[in-house]
Amino acid sequence: LASREHTKKIVFLLDKVFQKINVAKEIDLIAYTAGPGLVGSLLVGATFACSLGFSLNIPVLPVNHMEAHLLSPMLECKSIEFPFIALLVSGKHTQIIAVYNLGKYEILGNSLDDAAGEAFDKVSKMLGLKYPNGRELSNLASKGIKDYFYFPRPMINHSNLNF
């Protein structure tokens, strides 16, 4: 289903982007998500990106979805320096990662149950919030009463950082 929707919309989306901002001649590289993700959707993106790169005679770069999330703060905050520790919360992934350098990472801890992103999605759906819902859910949470609920702290006696 997802790959079918990607196929239906990818050309339309690119046309809209080129209509809105005239950058077609400025493109010197095409990056696409190579994983992790749904195989069908990944294949649609890879095929489209490689075809576009071939037709424009420009290089194509596969990008790891999680690595892109991990490094995206560096686009806005130029003062981030290696090494650093990151909390990566994205959809089905919630991880604590030591980032030593580009391409050099160590997963220090993983969620062993639902990822935080899944919990956010479930709560947002229960509250009737529209997707994407992170900002609205965060605003609602900021209006809550601190320490109203007690949440247990499981696994505090373990030697790893899994949670």
N, C-alpha and C. Protein backbone atom coordinates (compact mmCIF):
# COMPACT_ATOMS: atom_id res chain seq x y z
N LEU A 1 0.83 -1.20 0.00
CA LEU A 1 0.00 0.00 0.00
C LEU A 1 0.87 1.26 0.00
N ALA A 2 1.87 1.30 0.88
CA ALA A 2 2.72 2.50 0.96
C ALA A 2 3.48 2.71 -0.33
N SER A 3 4.03 1.63 -0.90
CA SER A 3 4.80 1.79 -2.14
C SER A 3 3.90 2.23 -3.29
N ARG A 4 2.67 1.75 -3.31
CA ARG A 4 1.72 2.18 -4.34
C ARG A 4 1.45 3.68 -4.23
N GLU A 5 1.26 4.16 -3.01
CA GLU A 5 1.03 5.59 -2.80
C GLU A 5 2.26 6.41 -3.16
N HIS A 6 3.45 5.90 -2.83
CA HIS A 6 4.68 6.59 -3.21
C HIS A 6 4.76 6.71 -4.73
N THR A 7 4.46 5.62 -5.42
CA THR A 7 4.52 5.61 -6.89
C THR A 7 3.55 6.62 -7.48
N LYS A 8 2.37 6.72 -6.91
CA LYS A 8 1.35 7.66 -7.42
C LYS A 8 1.78 9.11 -7.24
N LYS A 9 2.49 9.41 -6.17
CA LYS A 9 2.70 10.81 -5.79
C LYS A 9 4.10 11.37 -6.03
N ILE A 10 5.08 10.52 -6.29
CA ILE A 10 6.46 11.01 -6.32
C ILE A 10 6.73 11.98 -7.47
N VAL A 11 6.22 11.69 -8.66
CA VAL A 11 6.44 12.59 -9.80
C VAL A 11 5.69 13.89 -9.59
N PHE A 12 4.44 13.80 -9.12
CA PHE A 12 3.63 14.98 -8.83
C PHE A 12 4.34 15.88 -7.81
N LEU A 13 4.89 15.27 -6.77
CA LEU A 13 5.58 16.02 -5.73
C LEU A 13 6.81 16.75 -6.28
N LEU A 14 7.59 16.05 -7.08
CA LEU A 14 8.78 16.69 -7.67
C LEU A 14 8.37 17.85 -8.58
N ASP A 15 7.33 17.66 -9.38
CA ASP A 15 6.84 18.75 -10.23
C ASP A 15 6.43 19.96 -9.39
N LYS A 16 5.73 19.72 -8.28
CA LYS A 16 5.30 20.81 -7.40
C LYS A 16 6.51 21.56 -6.82
N VAL A 17 7.51 20.82 -6.41
CA VAL A 17 8.72 21.44 -5.86
C VAL A 17 9.37 22.33 -6.91
N PHE A 18 9.52 21.81 -8.12
CA PHE A 18 10.17 22.58 -9.19
C PHE A 18 9.34 23.80 -9.60
N GLN A 19 8.00 23.71 -9.48
CA GLN A 19 7.15 24.86 -9.77
C GLN A 19 7.31 25.94 -8.71
N LYS A 20 7.42 25.50 -7.46
CA LYS A 20 7.48 26.43 -6.35
C LYS A 20 8.84 27.11 -6.24
N ILE A 21 9.88 26.36 -6.38
CA ILE A 21 11.23 26.92 -6.32
C ILE A 21 12.01 26.43 -7.54
N ASN A 22 12.55 27.33 -8.28
CA ASN A 22 13.22 27.00 -9.53
C ASN A 22 14.66 26.58 -9.27
N VAL A 23 14.83 25.32 -8.85
CA VAL A 23 16.17 24.85 -8.52
C VAL A 23 16.63 23.70 -9.41
N ALA A 24 15.84 23.32 -10.37
CA ALA A 24 16.15 22.14 -11.18
C ALA A 24 17.56 22.18 -11.75
N LYS A 25 18.01 23.35 -12.19
CA LYS A 25 19.33 23.47 -12.80
C LYS A 25 20.45 23.53 -11.75
N GLU A 26 20.09 23.76 -10.49
CA GLU A 26 21.09 23.87 -9.43
C GLU A 26 21.39 22.54 -8.75
N ILE A 27 20.62 21.51 -9.05
CA ILE A 27 20.81 20.22 -8.39
C ILE A 27 22.11 19.58 -8.86
N ASP A 28 22.99 19.26 -7.90
CA ASP A 28 24.25 18.62 -8.27
C ASP A 28 24.42 17.25 -7.61
N LEU A 29 23.42 16.83 -6.83
CA LEU A 29 23.45 15.53 -6.18
C LEU A 29 22.03 15.16 -5.78
N ILE A 30 21.68 13.91 -5.87
CA ILE A 30 20.38 13.43 -5.42
C ILE A 30 20.61 12.39 -4.33
N ALA A 31 20.03 12.62 -3.17
CA ALA A 31 20.11 11.66 -2.06
C ALA A 31 18.75 11.01 -1.88
N TYR A 32 18.77 9.74 -1.52
CA TYR A 32 17.51 9.03 -1.27
C TYR A 32 17.68 8.10 -0.07
N THR A 33 16.57 7.77 0.56
CA THR A 33 16.59 6.88 1.72
C THR A 33 16.81 5.45 1.25
N ALA A 34 17.88 4.84 1.73
CA ALA A 34 18.21 3.47 1.36
C ALA A 34 17.79 2.47 2.45
N GLY A 35 17.32 2.96 3.58
CA GLY A 35 16.88 2.09 4.65
C GLY A 35 17.19 2.73 5.98
N PRO A 36 16.73 2.21 7.06
CA PRO A 36 15.73 1.15 7.11
C PRO A 36 14.35 1.70 6.76
N GLY A 37 13.44 0.80 6.43
CA GLY A 37 12.08 1.20 6.08
C GLY A 37 11.37 0.08 5.35
N LEU A 38 10.20 0.39 4.83
CA LEU A 38 9.42 -0.59 4.09
C LEU A 38 10.08 -0.81 2.73
N VAL A 39 10.35 -2.06 2.40
CA VAL A 39 11.11 -2.39 1.19
C VAL A 39 10.48 -1.80 -0.06
N GLY A 40 9.17 -1.92 -0.21
CA GLY A 40 8.51 -1.39 -1.41
C GLY A 40 8.70 0.10 -1.57
N SER A 41 8.52 0.84 -0.49
CA SER A 41 8.69 2.29 -0.53
C SER A 41 10.14 2.67 -0.80
N LEU A 42 11.07 1.93 -0.20
CA LEU A 42 12.49 2.19 -0.43
C LEU A 42 12.85 1.96 -1.90
N LEU A 43 12.29 0.91 -2.50
CA LEU A 43 12.56 0.62 -3.91
C LEU A 43 12.02 1.71 -4.82
N VAL A 44 10.84 2.23 -4.51
CA VAL A 44 10.27 3.32 -5.31
C VAL A 44 11.20 4.53 -5.25
N GLY A 45 11.62 4.91 -4.05
CA GLY A 45 12.51 6.06 -3.90
C GLY A 45 13.85 5.86 -4.58
N ALA A 46 14.44 4.68 -4.41
CA ALA A 46 15.75 4.40 -5.01
C ALA A 46 15.66 4.40 -6.53
N THR A 47 14.62 3.77 -7.06
CA THR A 47 14.45 3.72 -8.52
C THR A 47 14.24 5.11 -9.10
N PHE A 48 13.40 5.89 -8.44
CA PHE A 48 13.12 7.24 -8.92
C PHE A 48 14.38 8.10 -8.86
N ALA A 49 15.08 8.04 -7.73
CA ALA A 49 16.29 8.85 -7.55
C ALA A 49 17.36 8.46 -8.57
N CYS A 50 17.57 7.17 -8.75
CA CYS A 50 18.60 6.71 -9.71
C CYS A 50 18.22 7.09 -11.14
N SER A 51 16.94 6.97 -11.47
CA SER A 51 16.49 7.36 -12.82
C SER A 51 16.67 8.85 -13.05
N LEU A 52 16.31 9.65 -12.06
CA LEU A 52 16.46 11.10 -12.17
C LEU A 52 17.94 11.47 -12.27
N GLY A 53 18.76 10.85 -11.45
CA GLY A 53 20.20 11.11 -11.50
C GLY A 53 20.79 10.75 -12.85
N PHE A 54 20.37 9.62 -13.39
CA PHE A 54 20.86 9.19 -14.70
C PHE A 54 20.43 10.18 -15.78
N SER A 55 19.15 10.59 -15.74
CA SER A 55 18.65 11.50 -16.78
C SER A 55 19.29 12.89 -16.69
N LEU A 56 19.66 13.33 -15.49
CA LEU A 56 20.29 14.64 -15.31
C LEU A 56 21.82 14.56 -15.31
N ASN A 57 22.33 13.33 -15.38
CA ASN A 57 23.77 13.09 -15.38
C ASN A 57 24.45 13.66 -14.11
N ILE A 58 23.81 13.39 -12.96
CA ILE A 58 24.37 13.82 -11.68
C ILE A 58 24.44 12.62 -10.73
N PRO A 59 25.34 12.65 -9.76
CA PRO A 59 25.49 11.51 -8.86
C PRO A 59 24.30 11.33 -7.93
N VAL A 60 24.14 10.10 -7.49
CA VAL A 60 23.06 9.71 -6.58
C VAL A 60 23.69 9.09 -5.34
N LEU A 61 23.17 9.45 -4.17
CA LEU A 61 23.75 9.01 -2.90
C LEU A 61 22.70 8.32 -2.04
N PRO A 62 22.89 7.04 -1.71
CA PRO A 62 21.97 6.39 -0.76
C PRO A 62 22.27 6.87 0.66
N VAL A 63 21.23 7.15 1.43
CA VAL A 63 21.38 7.67 2.79
C VAL A 63 20.62 6.77 3.75
N ASN A 64 21.24 6.45 4.87
CA ASN A 64 20.56 5.70 5.91
C ASN A 64 19.58 6.63 6.63
N HIS A 65 18.34 6.23 6.68
CA HIS A 65 17.27 7.03 7.28
C HIS A 65 17.60 7.45 8.71
N MET A 66 18.10 6.50 9.50
CA MET A 66 18.38 6.80 10.90
C MET A 66 19.60 7.72 11.04
N GLU A 67 20.59 7.53 10.19
CA GLU A 67 21.76 8.40 10.22
C GLU A 67 21.37 9.84 9.87
N ALA A 68 20.43 9.98 8.94
CA ALA A 68 19.95 11.32 8.58
C ALA A 68 19.28 12.00 9.77
N HIS A 69 18.44 11.25 10.50
CA HIS A 69 17.83 11.81 11.71
C HIS A 69 18.90 12.18 12.73
N LEU A 70 19.86 11.30 12.89
CA LEU A 70 20.91 11.48 13.88
C LEU A 70 21.74 12.74 13.63
N LEU A 71 22.03 13.02 12.37
CA LEU A 71 22.91 14.14 12.04
C LEU A 71 22.17 15.42 11.64
N SER A 72 20.86 15.35 11.48
CA SER A 72 20.11 16.53 11.01
C SER A 72 20.25 17.76 11.91
N PRO A 73 20.41 17.64 13.24
CA PRO A 73 20.60 18.86 14.04
C PRO A 73 21.82 19.67 13.61
N MET A 74 22.80 19.03 12.99
CA MET A 74 24.01 19.73 12.56
C MET A 74 23.72 20.72 11.43
N LEU A 75 22.60 20.57 10.74
CA LEU A 75 22.22 21.52 9.69
C LEU A 75 21.90 22.89 10.29
N GLU A 76 21.28 22.89 11.46
CA GLU A 76 20.86 24.13 12.12
C GLU A 76 21.88 24.63 13.14
N CYS A 77 22.49 23.70 13.84
CA CYS A 77 23.39 24.06 14.94
C CYS A 77 24.83 23.72 14.54
N LYS A 78 25.51 24.68 14.00
CA LYS A 78 26.87 24.47 13.48
C LYS A 78 27.89 24.22 14.59
N SER A 79 27.52 24.48 15.84
CA SER A 79 28.48 24.34 16.94
C SER A 79 28.57 22.90 17.46
N ILE A 80 27.74 22.00 16.97
CA ILE A 80 27.82 20.61 17.41
C ILE A 80 29.14 20.01 16.93
N GLU A 81 29.87 19.42 17.86
CA GLU A 81 31.16 18.82 17.52
C GLU A 81 31.18 17.36 17.95
N PHE A 82 31.95 16.56 17.24
CA PHE A 82 32.15 15.16 17.60
C PHE A 82 33.15 15.10 18.74
N PRO A 83 33.07 14.14 19.61
CA PRO A 83 32.00 13.17 19.77
C PRO A 83 30.85 13.76 20.59
N PHE A 84 29.67 13.12 20.48
CA PHE A 84 28.52 13.51 21.30
C PHE A 84 27.61 12.31 21.50
N ILE A 85 26.72 12.43 22.46
CA ILE A 85 25.72 11.40 22.74
C ILE A 85 24.39 11.91 22.21
N ALA A 86 23.63 11.03 21.55
CA ALA A 86 22.35 11.43 20.97
C ALA A 86 21.23 10.52 21.47
N LEU A 87 20.08 11.11 21.68
CA LEU A 87 18.85 10.36 21.90
C LEU A 87 18.09 10.43 20.59
N LEU A 88 17.96 9.31 19.93
CA LEU A 88 17.31 9.24 18.63
C LEU A 88 15.91 8.69 18.82
N VAL A 89 14.91 9.53 18.57
CA VAL A 89 13.51 9.13 18.71
C VAL A 89 12.84 9.38 17.37
N SER A 90 12.54 8.30 16.66
CA SER A 90 11.98 8.42 15.33
C SER A 90 11.11 7.21 15.03
N GLY A 91 9.81 7.42 14.98
CA GLY A 91 8.92 6.32 14.60
C GLY A 91 9.13 5.08 15.43
N LYS A 92 9.67 4.05 14.81
CA LYS A 92 9.85 2.77 15.48
C LYS A 92 11.20 2.63 16.17
N HIS A 93 11.98 3.69 16.19
CA HIS A 93 13.32 3.62 16.77
C HIS A 93 13.44 4.59 17.95
N THR A 94 13.94 4.09 19.05
CA THR A 94 14.32 4.93 20.18
C THR A 94 15.64 4.37 20.69
N GLN A 95 16.70 5.15 20.52
CA GLN A 95 18.04 4.67 20.84
C GLN A 95 18.88 5.77 21.48
N ILE A 96 19.82 5.34 22.32
CA ILE A 96 20.86 6.22 22.82
C ILE A 96 22.12 5.84 22.07
N ILE A 97 22.74 6.81 21.40
CA ILE A 97 23.85 6.52 20.50
C ILE A 97 25.04 7.41 20.81
N ALA A 98 26.22 6.79 20.87
CA ALA A 98 27.47 7.54 20.94
C ALA A 98 27.88 7.83 19.50
N VAL A 99 28.05 9.11 19.19
CA VAL A 99 28.42 9.53 17.83
C VAL A 99 29.87 10.00 17.89
N TYR A 100 30.77 9.20 17.35
CA TYR A 100 32.19 9.50 17.42
C TYR A 100 32.65 10.38 16.26
N ASN A 101 32.08 10.12 15.08
CA ASN A 101 32.41 10.87 13.87
C ASN A 101 31.41 10.46 12.79
N LEU A 102 31.48 11.07 11.63
CA LEU A 102 30.61 10.65 10.53
C LEU A 102 30.82 9.17 10.25
N GLY A 103 29.76 8.40 10.32
CA GLY A 103 29.85 6.97 10.04
C GLY A 103 30.38 6.12 11.18
N LYS A 104 30.73 6.73 12.31
CA LYS A 104 31.26 5.97 13.45
C LYS A 104 30.33 6.15 14.65
N TYR A 105 29.48 5.14 14.88
CA TYR A 105 28.45 5.22 15.91
C TYR A 105 28.47 3.95 16.75
N GLU A 106 28.00 4.10 17.98
CA GLU A 106 27.83 2.94 18.85
C GLU A 106 26.48 3.07 19.54
N ILE A 107 25.64 2.06 19.37
CA ILE A 107 24.34 2.06 20.04
C ILE A 107 24.56 1.65 21.49
N LEU A 108 24.26 2.57 22.39
CA LEU A 108 24.47 2.32 23.82
C LEU A 108 23.23 1.73 24.47
N GLY A 109 22.06 2.07 23.94
CA GLY A 109 20.82 1.57 24.51
C GLY A 109 19.69 1.61 23.50
N ASN A 110 18.79 0.64 23.62
CA ASN A 110 17.61 0.53 22.75
C ASN A 110 16.36 0.38 23.58
N SER A 111 15.23 0.79 23.02
CA SER A 111 13.97 0.46 23.67
C SER A 111 13.71 -1.02 23.41
N LEU A 112 13.24 -1.72 24.41
CA LEU A 112 12.98 -3.15 24.29
C LEU A 112 11.51 -3.43 24.05
N ASP A 113 10.70 -2.41 24.08
CA ASP A 113 9.26 -2.55 23.88
C ASP A 113 8.86 -1.54 22.81
N ASP A 114 7.74 -0.88 22.97
CA ASP A 114 7.33 0.16 22.02
C ASP A 114 8.35 1.29 22.01
N ALA A 115 8.64 1.78 20.84
CA ALA A 115 9.50 2.96 20.72
C ALA A 115 8.69 4.19 21.12
N ALA A 116 9.39 5.22 21.55
CA ALA A 116 8.71 6.45 21.98
C ALA A 116 7.84 7.02 20.87
N GLY A 117 8.32 6.98 19.64
CA GLY A 117 7.55 7.50 18.51
C GLY A 117 6.22 6.79 18.35
N GLU A 118 6.22 5.46 18.57
CA GLU A 118 4.97 4.70 18.49
C GLU A 118 4.01 5.12 19.60
N ALA A 119 4.55 5.34 20.80
CA ALA A 119 3.72 5.79 21.91
C ALA A 119 3.11 7.15 21.61
N PHE A 120 3.91 8.06 21.05
CA PHE A 120 3.40 9.38 20.67
C PHE A 120 2.28 9.24 19.65
N ASP A 121 2.49 8.38 18.65
CA ASP A 121 1.47 8.18 17.62
C ASP A 121 0.18 7.63 18.21
N LYS A 122 0.30 6.65 19.12
CA LYS A 122 -0.89 6.04 19.73
C LYS A 122 -1.66 7.05 20.58
N VAL A 123 -0.95 7.82 21.41
CA VAL A 123 -1.61 8.82 22.25
C VAL A 123 -2.25 9.90 21.38
N SER A 124 -1.55 10.34 20.36
CA SER A 124 -2.09 11.38 19.47
C SER A 124 -3.36 10.90 18.79
N LYS A 125 -3.36 9.64 18.37
CA LYS A 125 -4.56 9.09 17.72
C LYS A 125 -5.72 9.05 18.70
N MET A 126 -5.43 8.63 19.96
CA MET A 126 -6.48 8.58 20.98
C MET A 126 -7.06 9.97 21.26
N LEU A 127 -6.21 11.00 21.15
CA LEU A 127 -6.65 12.38 21.40
C LEU A 127 -7.25 13.04 20.16
N GLY A 128 -7.22 12.34 19.04
CA GLY A 128 -7.79 12.89 17.81
C GLY A 128 -6.93 13.95 17.15
N LEU A 129 -5.62 13.93 17.40
CA LEU A 129 -4.72 14.92 16.79
C LEU A 129 -4.37 14.50 15.37
N LYS A 130 -4.20 15.48 14.51
CA LYS A 130 -3.84 15.19 13.12
C LYS A 130 -2.33 14.96 13.01
N TYR A 131 -1.95 14.16 12.03
CA TYR A 131 -0.53 13.88 11.78
C TYR A 131 0.02 14.93 10.83
N PRO A 132 1.24 15.44 11.01
CA PRO A 132 2.16 15.17 12.10
C PRO A 132 1.70 15.85 13.39
N ASN A 133 1.91 15.18 14.49
CA ASN A 133 1.28 15.59 15.74
C ASN A 133 2.26 15.94 16.86
N GLY A 134 3.54 15.85 16.61
CA GLY A 134 4.53 16.06 17.66
C GLY A 134 4.44 17.41 18.34
N ARG A 135 4.35 18.47 17.56
CA ARG A 135 4.32 19.82 18.13
C ARG A 135 3.05 20.03 18.97
N GLU A 136 1.90 19.60 18.44
CA GLU A 136 0.64 19.79 19.17
C GLU A 136 0.64 18.95 20.45
N LEU A 137 1.15 17.74 20.38
CA LEU A 137 1.22 16.89 21.57
C LEU A 137 2.17 17.50 22.61
N SER A 138 3.27 18.06 22.16
CA SER A 138 4.22 18.72 23.05
C SER A 138 3.57 19.93 23.73
N ASN A 139 2.80 20.71 22.97
CA ASN A 139 2.11 21.87 23.56
C ASN A 139 1.11 21.43 24.63
N LEU A 140 0.37 20.37 24.36
CA LEU A 140 -0.58 19.86 25.35
C LEU A 140 0.16 19.38 26.60
N ALA A 141 1.27 18.69 26.40
CA ALA A 141 2.04 18.16 27.54
C ALA A 141 2.58 19.29 28.41
N SER A 142 2.96 20.41 27.80
CA SER A 142 3.51 21.52 28.57
C SER A 142 2.47 22.16 29.49
N LYS A 143 1.20 21.90 29.24
CA LYS A 143 0.12 22.45 30.07
C LYS A 143 -0.27 21.49 31.20
N GLY A 144 0.38 20.33 31.26
CA GLY A 144 0.05 19.33 32.27
C GLY A 144 0.59 19.70 33.64
N ILE A 145 0.20 18.92 34.63
CA ILE A 145 0.64 19.14 36.01
C ILE A 145 1.84 18.24 36.27
N LYS A 146 2.97 18.88 36.55
CA LYS A 146 4.21 18.13 36.79
C LYS A 146 4.03 17.18 37.97
N ASP A 147 4.55 15.99 37.83
CA ASP A 147 4.53 14.96 38.88
C ASP A 147 3.12 14.50 39.26
N TYR A 148 2.13 14.73 38.39
CA TYR A 148 0.76 14.28 38.66
C TYR A 148 0.70 12.76 38.66
N PHE A 149 1.49 12.15 37.78
CA PHE A 149 1.56 10.70 37.70
C PHE A 149 2.94 10.24 38.12
N TYR A 150 2.99 9.08 38.74
CA TYR A 150 4.27 8.46 39.05
C TYR A 150 4.52 7.39 37.99
N PHE A 151 5.65 7.48 37.34
CA PHE A 151 6.03 6.47 36.37
C PHE A 151 7.20 5.68 36.94
N PRO A 152 7.07 4.35 36.96
CA PRO A 152 8.17 3.53 37.49
C PRO A 152 9.41 3.67 36.62
N ARG A 153 10.55 3.38 37.21
CA ARG A 153 11.82 3.45 36.49
C ARG A 153 12.37 2.03 36.37
N PRO A 154 11.93 1.32 35.34
CA PRO A 154 12.35 -0.07 35.20
C PRO A 154 13.81 -0.18 34.77
N MET A 155 14.40 -1.30 35.06
CA MET A 155 15.73 -1.68 34.59
C MET A 155 16.85 -0.78 35.11
N ILE A 156 16.65 -0.10 36.24
CA ILE A 156 17.70 0.79 36.73
C ILE A 156 18.88 0.02 37.33
N ASN A 157 18.68 -1.26 37.60
CA ASN A 157 19.76 -2.07 38.17
C ASN A 157 20.49 -2.89 37.12
N HIS A 158 20.29 -2.59 35.86
CA HIS A 158 20.98 -3.29 34.78
C HIS A 158 22.23 -2.51 34.38
N SER A 159 23.21 -3.22 33.86
CA SER A 159 24.47 -2.57 33.51
C SER A 159 24.46 -1.94 32.11
N ASN A 160 23.39 -2.14 31.35
CA ASN A 160 23.34 -1.53 30.02
C ASN A 160 22.39 -0.33 30.04
N LEU A 161 22.25 0.32 28.93
CA LEU A 161 21.37 1.49 28.85
C LEU A 161 20.08 1.20 28.11
N ASN A 162 19.72 -0.08 28.01
CA ASN A 162 18.44 -0.42 27.38
C ASN A 162 17.30 0.04 28.28
N PHE A 163 16.19 0.30 27.67
CA PHE A 163 15.04 0.80 28.42
C PHE A 163 13.76 0.26 27.82
